[in-house]
Amino acid sequence: MKGNKKYTIFRLGRYMLQYKWLLLLALFLTIGSNLFSLIGPMLSGYAIDAIEPGFQKVEFEKVFYYIILMIGFYIVSSFLSYLLSILMIYISRKVVYRMRKDVFDNLLMLPVGYFDTHQTGDIISCISYDIDTVNTSLSSDLVQIFATIITVIGAFSMMIVISPKLVLVFLFTVPLSMFLTKKITKRTRPLFKNRSKKLGELNGFIEEMISGQKTLKAYDQEENTIHKFDDKNKEAVDAYYKAEYYGSVTGPTVNFINNLSLSLISVFGALLYLVGQMSVGNISSFVLYSRKFSGPINEAANIISEFQSALAAAERVFQLMDEKPEPFDKAEAKELEEIAGNVEIKDVSFGYQKDNIIIHNLNLNAQQGKLVAVVGPTGAGKTTFINLLMRFYDVNDGNIYVDKENIYDVTRKSLRKSYAMVLQDTWLFEGTIFENIAYGKENATMEEVVAAAKAAKIHSFIKRLPNGYHTILSDDGTNISKGQKQLLTIARAMLLDSHMLILDEATSNVDTRTEVQIQHAMRKLMEHKTCFVIAHRLSTIQNADVILVVNHGEIVEQGTHKELLKKQGFYYQLYKAQFE
């Protein structure tokens, strides 16, 4: 069952088993290291038994022989432990690399709707912090668990050989340790899960506030934001404190029980020595083995809190990995080829939630090479209209056709490659200006990029930069203005060899004069191509072949600019509100 402890461990195990031969080598190293370490207490007992009370009764040769052997075994054990640590770090690095790649690959397959409903900061926290937590646990805690199992079995076997009677002490202490550990773990696991959740929420809040610094300062919301951050920060710190507090109880509790078992062993061992059933060397060896038996249990108890944290983090990672991807294309889906650019919408109804329909019975017929403008008040459904054309969302009812092909019968890839798209929210990546403009066209030449930049009225600005088209843009183009960013994305769209163009408020960040120049340039470059323009500034779409006036999810009017003004209807009211 997804989301529970066993499922999470199973998924982690599958990742680990991709490197089963390395894990097998790690297991051999763990066994070897612990076996060499387990021989030490036995040799110590032999050395002690070689020392007898009285003058000149100490067998120094035998004592030094066992001591040298013991040192040699411990050196070999330490060397194998060192190799094991290196190997586990290598394995964990491989596993985490694969896990992070799978998460990111799955992110790119998710529908747009997922990112509309989830915080960016929380997603980033999952990819970075949560996977790093898993990495730390795999590289250290896993080794400890392997070592604990082998050491406990080996030490217990040696104690049975030395004195089965003294082993009876553990029939009381071991079940008590297991009971208390299980009890505490059951309580702490939800706390660690909540800790990861709260840290993700805090990261999401920070990401939002940093990206909105200008708005925040413009509205004098610094103090209010600080209070909100304090609340989020306190929730995260409290969740962290509770998880760590209750998680840290396990180690001391188990340690107390182990010390209790050591006390009982010392008492009963002394009694057995007095009746002649055990030698001092055997008692010494048994005590050392009891420490090796209880020590790993104590260490395991201490890392349980870390392991719980790793499981909670892994659970969030796998939840993200298990998010349903965008539905696959139909098995018989066709590729859109030789597109003319005729778009038809028939009786389309849509709502982001099924019980809240925002577009009702939408109909449209956009002919090849026409410039179609979509206008209307905020919330009328203009951007939703574009989302449906690109199949970012699927309609509830009705159909959309491109060149009489139902878009639900063609592949999404071929449909989306048929459009060039420029949004109001610009997106540029860290790289050269050339790379950003050529982003959507493979093997684009410098001449093509320059031609697109000239058409977008950004070429002269680029040439004034120190390195021209090879100038590096910082993250999201923060080292240039919003208007210049917008022009670069327009140049990117112009470069694409697509048959349809979508401009969603694409010229909102440029001045009116440049906007008119861009419109003329685009009409020349987009001859015989269908263009959809969403605009609030009605002055920029007066030359459109057809203007669709959308209100409450329906086309209430359509026609040319002059025709709509003559009707003195809804478009006339919008135009009048802007210019009077």
Protein backbone atom coordinates (compact mmCIF):
# COMPACT_ATOMS: atom_id res chain seq x y z
CA MET A 1 0.00 0.00 0.00
CA LYS A 2 1.38 3.39 -1.04
CA GLY A 3 2.31 5.84 1.71
CA ASN A 4 3.08 3.32 4.44
CA LYS A 5 6.36 2.22 6.02
CA LYS A 6 6.61 -1.19 4.35
CA TYR A 7 5.94 0.25 0.90
CA THR A 8 8.61 2.93 1.40
CA ILE A 9 11.20 0.38 2.54
CA PHE A 10 10.28 -1.85 -0.41
CA ARG A 11 10.82 1.02 -2.87
CA LEU A 12 14.16 1.93 -1.28
CA GLY A 13 15.13 -1.74 -1.49
CA ARG A 14 14.39 -1.78 -5.20
CA TYR A 15 16.74 1.13 -5.74
CA MET A 16 19.44 -0.55 -3.68
CA LEU A 17 19.09 -3.85 -5.52
CA GLN A 18 20.07 -2.15 -8.77
CA TYR A 19 23.58 -2.41 -7.32
CA LYS A 20 23.21 -5.90 -5.82
CA TRP A 21 26.79 -6.97 -6.57
CA LEU A 22 28.19 -3.94 -4.76
CA LEU A 23 25.78 -4.62 -1.89
CA LEU A 24 26.98 -8.21 -1.77
CA LEU A 25 30.57 -6.98 -1.53
CA ALA A 26 29.49 -4.58 1.23
CA LEU A 27 27.90 -7.51 3.06
CA PHE A 28 31.13 -9.53 2.88
CA LEU A 29 33.12 -6.55 4.15
CA THR A 30 30.65 -6.11 7.01
CA ILE A 31 30.87 -9.79 7.95
CA GLY A 32 34.67 -9.77 7.74
CA SER A 33 35.06 -6.57 9.76
CA ASN A 34 32.78 -7.77 12.54
CA LEU A 35 34.16 -11.31 12.68
CA PHE A 36 37.71 -10.01 13.12
CA SER A 37 36.40 -7.65 15.78
CA LEU A 38 34.56 -10.50 17.56
CA ILE A 39 37.74 -12.57 17.92
CA GLY A 40 39.32 -9.84 20.08
CA PRO A 41 37.38 -10.52 23.34
CA MET A 42 38.13 -14.24 23.09
CA LEU A 43 41.86 -13.55 22.76
CA SER A 44 41.59 -11.13 25.67
CA GLY A 45 40.14 -13.91 27.84
CA TYR A 46 43.00 -16.24 26.87
CA ALA A 47 45.53 -13.56 27.80
CA ILE A 48 43.89 -13.04 31.20
CA ASP A 49 43.81 -16.79 31.92
CA ALA A 50 47.57 -16.90 31.17
CA ILE A 51 48.11 -14.61 34.19
CA GLU A 52 48.05 -16.59 37.43
CA PRO A 53 48.53 -15.18 40.94
CA GLY A 54 52.00 -15.68 42.41
CA PHE A 55 55.67 -14.92 41.70
CA GLN A 56 56.93 -15.85 38.20
CA LYS A 57 53.63 -17.55 37.26
CA VAL A 58 52.76 -15.12 34.45
CA GLU A 59 53.30 -16.66 30.99
CA PHE A 60 54.49 -13.46 29.28
CA GLU A 61 55.13 -15.15 25.94
CA LYS A 62 51.54 -16.37 25.79
CA VAL A 63 50.16 -13.03 27.02
CA PHE A 64 52.10 -11.00 24.42
CA TYR A 65 51.20 -13.54 21.72
CA TYR A 66 47.48 -13.05 22.34
CA ILE A 67 47.87 -9.27 22.62
CA ILE A 68 49.68 -9.05 19.27
CA LEU A 69 47.06 -11.28 17.67
CA MET A 70 44.31 -9.14 19.14
CA ILE A 71 45.91 -5.92 17.81
CA GLY A 72 46.31 -7.52 14.36
CA PHE A 73 42.68 -8.57 14.23
CA TYR A 74 41.51 -5.12 15.27
CA ILE A 75 43.70 -3.46 12.59
CA VAL A 76 42.26 -5.74 9.89
CA SER A 77 38.74 -5.06 11.21
CA SER A 78 39.32 -1.29 11.06
CA PHE A 79 40.70 -1.51 7.51
CA LEU A 80 37.68 -3.50 6.32
CA SER A 81 35.38 -0.97 8.02
CA TYR A 82 37.15 1.84 6.14
CA LEU A 83 36.65 0.04 2.80
CA LEU A 84 33.02 -0.59 3.73
CA SER A 85 32.40 3.10 4.46
CA ILE A 86 33.86 4.13 1.10
CA LEU A 87 31.80 1.50 -0.71
CA MET A 88 28.54 2.53 1.01
CA ILE A 89 29.14 6.20 0.19
CA TYR A 90 29.64 5.18 -3.46
CA ILE A 91 26.45 3.06 -3.47
CA SER A 92 24.37 5.77 -1.77
CA ARG A 93 25.63 8.33 -4.28
CA LYS A 94 24.53 6.07 -7.14
CA VAL A 95 21.14 5.42 -5.56
CA VAL A 96 20.47 9.08 -4.80
CA TYR A 97 21.57 10.14 -8.29
CA ARG A 98 19.13 7.66 -9.78
CA MET A 99 16.36 8.65 -7.37
CA ARG A 100 16.77 12.38 -8.04
CA LYS A 101 16.83 11.73 -11.80
CA ASP A 102 13.65 9.65 -11.61
CA VAL A 103 11.90 12.36 -9.59
CA PHE A 104 12.91 15.10 -12.04
CA ASP A 105 12.01 12.96 -15.06
CA ASN A 106 8.59 12.32 -13.54
CA LEU A 107 8.14 16.03 -12.82
CA LEU A 108 8.50 16.76 -16.52
CA MET A 109 5.81 14.19 -17.27
CA LEU A 110 3.26 15.68 -14.84
CA PRO A 111 0.35 17.74 -16.18
CA VAL A 112 0.41 21.52 -15.90
CA GLY A 113 -2.43 21.28 -13.38
CA TYR A 114 -0.10 19.70 -10.81
CA PHE A 115 2.16 22.77 -10.76
CA ASP A 116 -0.87 25.05 -10.55
CA THR A 117 -1.84 23.40 -7.24
CA HIS A 118 1.54 22.71 -5.55
CA GLN A 119 4.10 25.12 -4.16
CA THR A 120 7.35 25.34 -6.09
CA GLY A 121 9.36 25.59 -2.86
CA ASP A 122 7.83 22.39 -1.51
CA ILE A 123 8.73 20.52 -4.71
CA ILE A 124 12.30 21.86 -4.55
CA SER A 125 12.53 20.83 -0.88
CA CYS A 126 11.53 17.31 -1.84
CA ILE A 127 14.14 17.06 -4.61
CA SER A 128 16.96 18.55 -2.52
CA TYR A 129 16.47 18.25 1.26
CA ASP A 130 14.44 15.03 1.37
CA ILE A 131 16.70 13.15 -1.03
CA ASP A 132 19.80 14.39 0.83
CA THR A 133 18.27 13.02 4.05
CA VAL A 134 17.84 9.64 2.35
CA ASN A 135 21.44 9.84 1.11
CA THR A 136 22.82 10.42 4.62
CA SER A 137 20.86 7.48 5.98
CA LEU A 138 21.92 5.10 3.21
CA SER A 139 25.63 5.96 3.53
CA SER A 140 25.83 5.59 7.34
CA ASP A 141 22.72 4.15 8.97
CA LEU A 142 22.48 1.19 6.61
CA VAL A 143 26.04 0.14 7.46
CA GLN A 144 25.22 0.41 11.15
CA ILE A 145 22.17 -1.81 10.74
CA PHE A 146 24.14 -4.47 8.82
CA ALA A 147 26.92 -4.36 11.41
CA THR A 148 24.44 -4.57 14.27
CA ILE A 149 22.80 -7.72 12.94
CA ILE A 150 26.12 -9.51 12.37
CA THR A 151 27.69 -8.37 15.64
CA VAL A 152 24.64 -9.29 17.71
CA ILE A 153 24.44 -12.77 16.19
CA GLY A 154 28.18 -13.36 16.55
CA ALA A 155 28.40 -12.03 20.12
CA PHE A 156 25.33 -14.01 21.19
CA SER A 157 26.81 -17.21 19.75
CA MET A 158 30.10 -16.68 21.60
CA MET A 159 28.27 -15.99 24.88
CA ILE A 160 26.36 -19.27 24.56
CA VAL A 161 29.66 -21.10 24.07
CA ILE A 162 31.20 -19.42 27.15
CA SER A 163 28.24 -19.68 29.56
CA PRO A 164 24.67 -20.61 28.59
CA LYS A 165 23.53 -19.81 32.13
CA LEU A 166 24.58 -16.16 31.97
CA VAL A 167 22.80 -15.77 28.61
CA LEU A 168 19.50 -16.20 30.48
CA VAL A 169 19.91 -12.59 31.66
CA PHE A 170 19.10 -11.41 28.12
CA LEU A 171 15.80 -13.27 28.11
CA PHE A 172 14.58 -10.42 30.31
CA THR A 173 16.47 -7.39 28.95
CA VAL A 174 16.25 -7.98 25.15
CA PRO A 175 12.43 -8.32 24.98
CA LEU A 176 12.13 -5.25 27.19
CA SER A 177 14.39 -3.26 24.79
CA MET A 178 12.41 -4.41 21.77
CA PHE A 179 9.09 -3.54 23.38
CA LEU A 180 10.15 -0.01 24.37
CA THR A 181 11.85 0.66 21.01
CA LYS A 182 8.74 -0.38 19.08
CA LYS A 183 6.56 1.75 21.35
CA ILE A 184 8.70 4.87 20.89
CA THR A 185 9.15 4.31 17.13
CA LYS A 186 5.40 4.07 16.61
CA ARG A 187 5.02 7.49 18.18
CA THR A 188 7.97 9.19 16.47
CA ARG A 189 7.33 8.16 12.85
CA PRO A 190 4.36 10.54 12.31
CA LEU A 191 6.42 13.29 13.95
CA PHE A 192 9.25 12.89 11.43
CA LYS A 193 6.73 12.83 8.60
CA ASN A 194 5.23 16.07 9.89
CA ARG A 195 8.73 17.57 10.20
CA SER A 196 9.43 17.00 6.48
CA LYS A 197 6.02 18.43 5.60
CA LYS A 198 6.53 21.61 7.65
CA LEU A 199 10.02 22.17 6.25
CA GLY A 200 8.58 21.85 2.74
CA GLU A 201 5.87 24.41 3.56
CA LEU A 202 8.49 26.78 4.99
CA ASN A 203 10.60 26.46 1.83
CA GLY A 204 7.53 27.13 -0.31
CA PHE A 205 6.71 30.27 1.68
CA ILE A 206 10.30 31.55 1.46
CA GLU A 207 10.39 30.94 -2.32
CA GLU A 208 7.14 32.91 -2.77
CA MET A 209 8.30 35.83 -0.64
CA ILE A 210 11.72 36.10 -2.30
CA SER A 211 10.23 36.03 -5.81
CA GLY A 212 7.71 38.72 -4.81
CA GLN A 213 10.11 41.13 -3.10
CA LYS A 214 9.18 44.15 -5.25
CA THR A 215 5.46 43.73 -4.63
CA LEU A 216 6.11 43.08 -0.95
CA LYS A 217 8.07 46.32 -0.55
CA ALA A 218 5.71 48.33 -2.74
CA TYR A 219 2.81 47.49 -0.42
CA ASP A 220 4.87 47.98 2.74
CA GLN A 221 4.27 44.38 3.83
CA GLU A 222 7.71 43.69 5.33
CA GLU A 223 6.49 43.59 8.94
CA ASN A 224 3.41 41.53 8.09
CA THR A 225 5.56 39.08 6.09
CA ILE A 226 8.01 38.78 9.00
CA HIS A 227 5.12 37.81 11.30
CA LYS A 228 3.92 35.22 8.79
CA PHE A 229 7.45 33.87 8.45
CA ASP A 230 7.76 33.67 12.25
CA ASP A 231 4.59 31.56 12.37
CA LYS A 232 5.81 29.25 9.60
CA ASN A 233 9.28 29.09 11.13
CA LYS A 234 7.86 28.27 14.57
CA GLU A 235 5.72 25.48 13.10
CA ALA A 236 8.79 24.00 11.37
CA VAL A 237 11.01 24.34 14.47
CA ASP A 238 8.32 22.88 16.74
CA ALA A 239 7.85 19.94 14.38
CA TYR A 240 11.64 19.46 14.26
CA TYR A 241 11.91 19.69 18.07
CA LYS A 242 9.13 17.19 18.73
CA ALA A 243 10.56 14.69 16.26
CA GLU A 244 14.10 14.99 17.63
CA TYR A 245 12.97 15.08 21.28
CA TYR A 246 10.91 11.90 21.16
CA GLY A 247 13.39 10.29 18.77
CA SER A 248 16.28 10.91 21.18
CA VAL A 249 14.44 9.10 23.99
CA THR A 250 15.10 5.72 22.36
CA GLY A 251 18.91 5.70 22.80
CA PRO A 252 19.05 6.51 26.55
CA THR A 253 16.19 4.09 27.26
CA VAL A 254 17.94 1.18 25.55
CA ASN A 255 21.26 2.22 27.06
CA PHE A 256 19.74 2.02 30.56
CA ILE A 257 18.49 -1.51 29.89
CA ASN A 258 21.90 -2.52 28.53
CA ASN A 259 23.63 -1.20 31.64
CA LEU A 260 21.11 -3.11 33.72
CA SER A 261 22.00 -6.31 31.85
CA LEU A 262 25.73 -5.63 32.43
CA SER A 263 25.11 -5.26 36.17
CA LEU A 264 23.18 -8.54 36.29
CA ILE A 265 25.94 -10.31 34.30
CA SER A 266 28.61 -9.03 36.70
CA VAL A 267 26.66 -10.21 39.75
CA PHE A 268 25.76 -13.67 38.41
CA GLY A 269 29.23 -14.09 36.83
CA ALA A 270 30.87 -13.44 40.19
CA LEU A 271 28.62 -16.07 41.81
CA LEU A 272 29.55 -18.62 39.12
CA TYR A 273 33.25 -17.84 39.67
CA LEU A 274 32.87 -18.41 43.41
CA VAL A 275 31.41 -21.87 42.82
CA GLY A 276 34.14 -22.68 40.29
CA GLN A 277 31.99 -22.79 37.17
CA MET A 278 33.72 -19.87 35.38
CA SER A 279 37.26 -18.53 35.17
CA VAL A 280 38.16 -14.84 35.38
CA GLY A 281 39.13 -14.93 31.70
CA ASN A 282 35.73 -16.33 30.74
CA ILE A 283 33.94 -13.69 32.82
CA SER A 284 36.04 -10.97 31.14
CA SER A 285 35.32 -12.37 27.68
CA PHE A 286 31.62 -12.71 28.45
CA VAL A 287 31.42 -9.10 29.69
CA LEU A 288 33.18 -7.87 26.52
CA TYR A 289 30.87 -9.92 24.34
CA SER A 290 27.86 -8.63 26.26
CA ARG A 291 29.03 -5.10 25.47
CA LYS A 292 29.39 -6.05 21.82
CA PHE A 293 25.94 -7.57 22.00
CA SER A 294 24.25 -4.63 23.72
CA GLY A 295 26.42 -1.86 22.19
CA PRO A 296 25.15 -2.30 18.62
CA ILE A 297 21.60 -2.55 19.94
CA ASN A 298 22.14 0.76 21.68
CA GLU A 299 23.64 2.28 18.51
CA ALA A 300 20.75 0.93 16.46
CA ALA A 301 18.34 2.56 18.88
CA ASN A 302 20.20 5.86 18.47
CA ILE A 303 19.98 5.75 14.66
CA ILE A 304 16.33 4.75 14.66
CA SER A 305 15.36 8.43 14.88
CA GLU A 306 17.59 9.19 11.88
CA PHE A 307 16.18 6.21 10.02
CA GLN A 308 12.63 7.37 10.79
CA SER A 309 13.56 10.78 9.38
CA ALA A 310 14.94 9.12 6.23
CA LEU A 311 11.78 7.02 5.82
CA ALA A 312 9.58 10.10 6.18
CA ALA A 313 11.70 11.92 3.58
CA ALA A 314 11.67 8.90 1.26
CA GLU A 315 7.90 8.67 1.60
CA ARG A 316 7.55 12.27 0.34
CA VAL A 317 9.94 11.53 -2.53
CA PHE A 318 8.00 8.44 -3.59
CA GLN A 319 4.68 10.28 -3.30
CA LEU A 320 6.02 12.85 -5.75
CA MET A 321 7.39 10.07 -7.94
CA ASP A 322 4.02 8.30 -7.91
CA GLU A 323 2.00 11.33 -8.99
CA LYS A 324 -0.01 10.44 -12.07
CA PRO A 325 1.72 11.67 -15.24
CA GLU A 326 -0.08 13.41 -18.05
CA PRO A 327 -2.39 10.83 -19.69
CA PHE A 328 -0.69 8.96 -22.49
CA ASP A 329 -1.71 9.48 -26.08
CA LYS A 330 -4.09 7.00 -27.59
CA ALA A 331 -2.45 3.90 -29.03
CA GLU A 332 -3.67 4.89 -32.50
CA ALA A 333 -2.83 8.60 -32.08
CA LYS A 334 -1.48 10.20 -35.25
CA GLU A 335 1.26 12.77 -35.83
CA LEU A 336 0.15 16.17 -37.07
CA GLU A 337 1.96 16.70 -40.37
CA GLU A 338 1.83 19.36 -43.08
CA ILE A 339 -0.35 21.58 -40.94
CA ALA A 340 -2.25 24.37 -42.61
CA GLY A 341 -3.47 25.98 -39.38
CA ASN A 342 -7.25 25.73 -39.46
CA VAL A 343 -8.56 25.55 -35.88
CA GLU A 344 -12.14 24.74 -35.00
CA ILE A 345 -13.74 24.53 -31.55
CA LYS A 346 -17.14 22.84 -31.27
CA ASP A 347 -19.45 22.98 -28.24
CA VAL A 348 -16.58 22.95 -25.70
CA SER A 349 -17.34 23.09 -21.98
CA PHE A 350 -14.62 23.09 -19.34
CA GLY A 351 -13.99 23.61 -15.64
CA TYR A 352 -10.82 23.18 -13.58
CA GLN A 353 -13.14 21.42 -11.16
CA LYS A 354 -15.94 19.28 -12.52
CA ASP A 355 -18.56 20.99 -10.38
CA ASN A 356 -17.46 24.49 -11.44
CA ILE A 357 -17.75 24.89 -15.22
CA ILE A 358 -16.23 28.19 -16.41
CA ILE A 359 -16.48 27.76 -20.20
CA HIS A 360 -19.87 26.90 -21.65
CA ASN A 361 -20.54 25.64 -25.22
CA LEU A 362 -17.64 27.52 -26.78
CA ASN A 363 -17.56 27.57 -30.60
CA LEU A 364 -14.89 29.04 -32.88
CA ASN A 365 -13.64 28.66 -36.43
CA ALA A 366 -10.17 30.19 -36.99
CA GLN A 367 -9.08 29.98 -40.63
CA GLN A 368 -5.52 29.45 -41.86
CA GLY A 369 -3.34 32.58 -41.81
CA LYS A 370 -5.85 34.64 -39.83
CA LEU A 371 -5.01 36.76 -36.80
CA VAL A 372 -7.54 35.92 -34.11
CA ALA A 373 -7.68 38.22 -31.09
CA VAL A 374 -9.35 37.12 -27.87
CA VAL A 375 -10.45 39.92 -25.53
CA GLY A 376 -12.61 40.16 -22.48
CA PRO A 377 -12.62 41.08 -18.79
CA THR A 378 -10.46 39.35 -16.20
CA GLY A 379 -11.70 35.85 -15.46
CA ALA A 380 -13.66 35.59 -18.70
CA GLY A 381 -11.73 32.47 -19.76
CA LYS A 382 -9.14 33.85 -22.20
CA THR A 383 -6.06 32.05 -20.81
CA THR A 384 -8.14 28.92 -20.20
CA PHE A 385 -9.00 29.01 -23.89
CA ILE A 386 -5.25 28.81 -24.70
CA ASN A 387 -4.71 25.99 -22.20
CA LEU A 388 -7.33 23.96 -24.04
CA LEU A 389 -5.83 24.63 -27.48
CA MET A 390 -2.44 23.32 -26.25
CA ARG A 391 -4.02 20.42 -24.31
CA PHE A 392 -2.52 21.57 -21.02
CA TYR A 393 -6.00 20.67 -19.79
CA ASP A 394 -8.57 18.44 -21.44
CA VAL A 395 -12.11 19.59 -22.11
CA ASN A 396 -15.10 18.24 -20.21
CA ASP A 397 -17.33 18.20 -23.29
CA GLY A 398 -16.99 19.03 -26.96
CA ASN A 399 -14.07 18.77 -29.38
CA ILE A 400 -11.23 20.84 -30.81
CA TYR A 401 -9.95 20.28 -34.34
CA VAL A 402 -6.76 21.26 -36.18
CA ASP A 403 -7.13 20.84 -39.94
CA LYS A 404 -10.22 18.71 -39.24
CA GLU A 405 -8.14 16.36 -37.03
CA ASN A 406 -9.52 15.94 -33.52
CA ILE A 407 -6.66 16.99 -31.20
CA TYR A 408 -7.52 14.06 -28.91
CA ASP A 409 -6.69 11.70 -31.77
CA VAL A 410 -3.19 13.12 -32.34
CA THR A 411 -0.05 13.09 -30.21
CA ARG A 412 0.43 15.92 -27.73
CA LYS A 413 4.01 16.38 -28.91
CA SER A 414 3.05 17.03 -32.53
CA LEU A 415 0.15 19.26 -31.44
CA ARG A 416 2.29 21.45 -29.18
CA LYS A 417 5.12 21.66 -31.71
CA SER A 418 2.55 23.09 -34.12
CA TYR A 419 2.31 26.20 -31.93
CA ALA A 420 4.82 28.86 -31.00
CA MET A 421 3.83 30.37 -27.67
CA VAL A 422 4.73 33.57 -25.82
CA LEU A 423 3.28 34.10 -22.35
CA GLN A 424 2.95 37.17 -20.18
CA ASP A 425 5.17 35.47 -17.58
CA THR A 426 8.50 35.28 -19.35
CA TRP A 427 10.90 32.40 -18.79
CA LEU A 428 14.60 32.54 -19.59
CA PHE A 429 17.30 30.15 -18.38
CA GLU A 430 20.91 30.76 -17.41
CA GLY A 431 22.85 30.71 -20.67
CA THR A 432 23.74 32.93 -23.60
CA ILE A 433 21.21 35.12 -25.40
CA PHE A 434 21.77 32.99 -28.51
CA GLU A 435 20.90 29.80 -26.58
CA ASN A 436 17.75 31.38 -25.12
CA ILE A 437 16.43 32.54 -28.50
CA ALA A 438 17.35 29.25 -30.22
CA TYR A 439 15.82 27.22 -27.35
CA GLY A 440 12.93 25.73 -29.32
CA LYS A 441 14.68 25.10 -32.64
CA GLU A 442 17.36 22.47 -32.89
CA ASN A 443 20.50 23.42 -34.86
CA ALA A 444 19.39 27.04 -35.29
CA THR A 445 22.04 29.17 -37.01
CA MET A 446 23.28 32.58 -35.88
CA GLU A 447 21.76 34.14 -39.01
CA GLU A 448 18.32 32.77 -38.11
CA VAL A 449 18.62 33.97 -34.52
CA VAL A 450 19.71 37.46 -35.63
CA ALA A 451 16.82 37.66 -38.10
CA ALA A 452 14.33 36.74 -35.35
CA ALA A 453 15.91 39.26 -32.96
CA LYS A 454 15.68 42.03 -35.59
CA ALA A 455 12.03 41.21 -36.20
CA ALA A 456 11.37 41.37 -32.45
CA LYS A 457 13.14 44.78 -32.23
CA ILE A 458 15.75 43.48 -29.75
CA HIS A 459 18.78 43.18 -32.07
CA SER A 460 20.13 46.71 -31.40
CA PHE A 461 19.99 46.15 -27.64
CA ILE A 462 21.84 42.83 -27.95
CA LYS A 463 24.59 44.37 -30.09
CA ARG A 464 25.22 46.99 -27.40
CA LEU A 465 25.99 44.31 -24.83
CA PRO A 466 29.69 43.52 -24.18
CA ASN A 467 29.50 40.03 -25.71
CA GLY A 468 26.53 40.51 -28.01
CA TYR A 469 24.63 37.30 -28.61
CA HIS A 470 27.12 35.43 -26.42
CA THR A 471 26.25 37.48 -23.34
CA ILE A 472 25.35 35.21 -20.42
CA LEU A 473 21.92 35.81 -18.88
CA SER A 474 21.72 35.17 -15.15
CA ASP A 475 18.97 33.07 -13.59
CA ASP A 476 15.66 33.91 -15.34
CA GLY A 477 17.30 36.92 -16.99
CA THR A 478 17.44 39.03 -13.83
CA ASN A 479 20.24 41.17 -15.34
CA ILE A 480 17.95 42.65 -18.06
CA SER A 481 14.62 44.48 -17.90
CA LYS A 482 11.19 42.84 -18.10
CA GLY A 483 10.53 44.40 -21.48
CA GLN A 484 13.81 43.08 -22.88
CA LYS A 485 13.01 39.64 -21.49
CA GLN A 486 9.64 39.80 -23.22
CA LEU A 487 11.25 40.72 -26.55
CA LEU A 488 13.68 37.80 -26.26
CA THR A 489 10.82 35.34 -25.75
CA ILE A 490 9.01 36.86 -28.74
CA ALA A 491 12.16 36.40 -30.84
CA ARG A 492 12.28 32.77 -29.64
CA ALA A 493 8.71 32.22 -30.85
CA MET A 494 9.41 33.89 -34.19
CA LEU A 495 12.31 31.53 -34.81
CA LEU A 496 10.18 28.40 -34.54
CA ASP A 497 9.02 26.74 -37.71
CA SER A 498 5.46 26.40 -36.41
CA HIS A 499 2.16 26.88 -38.19
CA MET A 500 0.28 28.57 -35.36
CA LEU A 501 1.23 31.26 -32.88
CA ILE A 502 -0.18 32.03 -29.43
CA LEU A 503 0.51 35.36 -27.70
CA ASP A 504 -0.96 35.50 -24.19
CA GLU A 505 -0.53 39.15 -23.14
CA ALA A 506 2.92 38.78 -24.72
CA THR A 507 3.51 42.48 -25.28
CA SER A 508 2.28 43.70 -21.90
CA ASN A 509 5.83 44.63 -20.79
CA VAL A 510 6.81 46.68 -23.87
CA ASP A 511 5.88 50.22 -24.82
CA THR A 512 3.01 50.89 -27.23
CA ARG A 513 5.24 52.01 -30.12
CA THR A 514 7.40 48.87 -29.94
CA GLU A 515 4.27 46.78 -29.58
CA VAL A 516 2.86 48.14 -32.86
CA GLN A 517 6.21 47.54 -34.60
CA ILE A 518 6.23 43.95 -33.33
CA GLN A 519 2.70 43.39 -34.56
CA HIS A 520 3.69 44.54 -38.08
CA ALA A 521 6.84 42.38 -38.00
CA MET A 522 4.91 39.36 -36.81
CA ARG A 523 2.27 39.74 -39.49
CA LYS A 524 5.02 39.67 -42.10
CA LEU A 525 6.83 36.70 -40.53
CA MET A 526 3.63 34.75 -39.83
CA GLU A 527 2.07 34.91 -43.26
CA HIS A 528 -0.13 31.88 -43.96
CA LYS A 529 0.00 31.00 -40.23
CA THR A 530 -2.80 31.16 -37.71
CA CYS A 531 -2.22 33.55 -34.78
CA PHE A 532 -4.11 33.72 -31.49
CA VAL A 533 -3.55 36.90 -29.49
CA ILE A 534 -4.92 37.51 -26.00
CA ALA A 535 -4.78 41.19 -25.16
CA HIS A 536 -6.12 43.68 -22.66
CA ARG A 537 -4.88 46.71 -24.59
CA LEU A 538 -7.43 46.86 -27.38
CA SER A 539 -5.32 49.32 -29.39
CA THR A 540 -2.91 46.50 -30.25
CA ILE A 541 -5.47 44.18 -31.89
CA GLN A 542 -7.36 46.64 -34.09
CA ASN A 543 -5.87 45.04 -37.23
CA ALA A 544 -6.95 41.52 -36.27
CA ASP A 545 -8.88 39.54 -38.90
CA VAL A 546 -11.39 38.53 -36.27
CA ILE A 547 -11.85 39.58 -32.65
CA LEU A 548 -13.51 37.16 -30.26
CA VAL A 549 -15.14 38.86 -27.28
CA VAL A 550 -15.29 36.40 -24.38
CA ASN A 551 -17.36 36.86 -21.25
CA HIS A 552 -18.26 34.25 -18.63
CA GLY A 553 -16.71 31.51 -20.75
CA GLU A 554 -18.73 32.24 -23.87
CA ILE A 555 -18.04 34.15 -27.10
CA VAL A 556 -20.58 36.95 -26.87
CA GLU A 557 -19.40 38.84 -29.97
CA GLN A 558 -17.08 38.35 -32.90
CA GLY A 559 -16.00 40.40 -35.88
CA THR A 560 -13.47 43.01 -36.95
CA HIS A 561 -12.64 46.03 -34.83
CA LYS A 562 -14.82 48.36 -36.92
CA GLU A 563 -17.72 45.90 -37.05
CA LEU A 564 -17.74 45.46 -33.27
CA LEU A 565 -17.61 49.21 -32.64
CA LYS A 566 -20.62 49.72 -34.92
CA LYS A 567 -22.61 47.15 -32.91
CA GLN A 568 -22.01 49.20 -29.76
CA GLY A 569 -22.19 46.02 -27.70
CA PHE A 570 -19.90 44.52 -25.08
CA TYR A 571 -16.70 45.19 -27.09
CA TYR A 572 -17.75 48.80 -27.54
CA GLN A 573 -18.12 49.12 -23.77
CA LEU A 574 -14.63 47.67 -23.22
CA TYR A 575 -13.11 49.98 -25.82
CA LYS A 576 -14.92 53.00 -24.44
CA ALA A 577 -13.73 52.16 -20.87
CA GLN A 578 -10.09 52.11 -22.05
CA PHE A 579 -10.04 55.23 -24.18
CA GLU A 580 -12.53 57.48 -22.45
